[in-house]
Amino acid sequence: MALQKVAIAKACESGDKTTLTRNRMQVLSLFCPNLFFPSVLIGILVDLLIFSSIKTFSKIGIAVGVFLILTGFIATLLTIAFVLVV
């Protein structure tokens, strides 16, 4: 584990773009999947409370939710790929 941390620190120090991207997206991989359901529910609630039917805000909420899930998935894949390389 310590060797992996040293490798990540060296890669960040050298300015490796893959490592920097991975480190930035690691935060997204933690929080994005947890924000999927709230974004969809907020969209549906706004539609039901304002328009009394499911319309635009629900679609926007679903689109944002799918974007968050995909972002978290891509961040996880980058983490796996980085661990396999190091």
Protein backbone atom coordinates (compact mmCIF):
# COMPACT_ATOMS: atom_id res chain seq x y z
CA MET A 1 0.00 0.00 0.00
CA ALA A 2 2.81 2.39 0.86
CA LEU A 3 4.49 1.66 -2.46
CA GLN A 4 1.30 2.57 -4.31
CA LYS A 5 1.07 5.87 -2.43
CA VAL A 6 4.69 6.67 -3.27
CA ALA A 7 4.05 5.87 -6.95
CA ILE A 8 1.01 8.17 -6.98
CA ALA A 9 2.99 10.95 -5.31
CA LYS A 10 5.85 10.59 -7.82
CA ALA A 11 3.45 10.59 -10.76
CA CYS A 12 1.73 13.73 -9.44
CA GLU A 13 5.08 15.37 -8.84
CA SER A 14 6.20 14.69 -12.40
CA GLY A 15 2.97 16.21 -13.76
CA ASP A 16 1.52 13.03 -15.30
CA LYS A 17 -1.84 14.04 -16.77
CA THR A 18 -3.42 10.63 -16.24
CA THR A 19 -2.59 10.73 -12.54
CA LEU A 20 -3.87 14.26 -12.11
CA THR A 21 -7.12 13.38 -13.89
CA ARG A 22 -7.49 10.26 -11.77
CA ASN A 23 -6.96 12.18 -8.54
CA ARG A 24 -9.50 14.84 -9.48
CA MET A 25 -12.09 12.29 -10.57
CA GLN A 26 -11.61 10.10 -7.51
CA VAL A 27 -13.76 12.54 -5.53
CA LEU A 28 -16.45 12.24 -8.20
CA SER A 29 -16.38 8.44 -8.02
CA LEU A 30 -17.26 8.71 -4.33
CA PHE A 31 -20.10 11.24 -4.50
CA CYS A 32 -21.67 10.99 -7.96
CA PRO A 33 -23.47 7.65 -7.50
CA ASN A 34 -24.95 8.94 -4.23
CA LEU A 35 -26.36 12.02 -5.97
CA PHE A 36 -28.23 10.03 -8.66
CA PHE A 37 -31.46 9.40 -6.76
CA PRO A 38 -31.72 12.86 -5.19
CA SER A 39 -31.37 14.54 -8.59
CA VAL A 40 -34.08 12.34 -10.12
CA LEU A 41 -36.39 12.79 -7.13
CA ILE A 42 -35.94 16.57 -7.14
CA GLY A 43 -36.86 16.68 -10.83
CA ILE A 44 -39.97 14.57 -10.31
CA LEU A 45 -41.06 16.53 -7.24
CA VAL A 46 -40.64 19.88 -8.99
CA ASP A 47 -42.73 18.61 -11.91
CA LEU A 48 -45.45 17.19 -9.71
CA LEU A 49 -45.65 20.21 -7.40
CA ILE A 50 -45.53 22.89 -10.10
CA PHE A 51 -46.98 21.26 -13.22
CA SER A 52 -48.99 18.35 -11.72
CA SER A 53 -47.46 16.00 -14.26
CA ILE A 54 -44.09 14.62 -15.26
CA LYS A 55 -42.46 16.86 -17.85
CA THR A 56 -39.20 18.73 -18.45
CA PHE A 57 -37.72 18.85 -14.96
CA SER A 58 -38.05 15.08 -14.58
CA LYS A 59 -36.18 14.58 -17.85
CA ILE A 60 -33.49 17.03 -16.73
CA GLY A 61 -33.21 15.24 -13.38
CA ILE A 62 -32.85 11.87 -15.10
CA ALA A 63 -30.26 13.28 -17.51
CA VAL A 64 -28.25 14.79 -14.65
CA GLY A 65 -28.53 11.51 -12.73
CA VAL A 66 -27.29 9.48 -15.68
CA PHE A 67 -24.43 11.93 -16.16
CA LEU A 68 -23.46 11.54 -12.50
CA ILE A 69 -23.55 7.75 -12.71
CA LEU A 70 -21.43 7.74 -15.87
CA THR A 71 -18.95 10.18 -14.35
CA GLY A 72 -18.59 7.98 -11.28
CA PHE A 73 -18.17 4.90 -13.47
CA ILE A 74 -15.48 6.54 -15.61
CA ALA A 75 -13.64 7.71 -12.49
CA THR A 76 -13.75 4.17 -11.11
CA LEU A 77 -12.39 2.77 -14.38
CA LEU A 78 -9.56 5.31 -14.33
CA THR A 79 -8.70 4.27 -10.78
CA ILE A 80 -8.66 0.58 -11.72
CA ALA A 81 -6.56 1.24 -14.81
CA PHE A 82 -4.09 3.33 -12.81
CA VAL A 83 -3.71 0.65 -10.13
CA LEU A 84 -3.10 -2.00 -12.78
CA VAL A 85 -0.41 0.13 -14.46
CA VAL A 86 1.38 1.04 -11.24
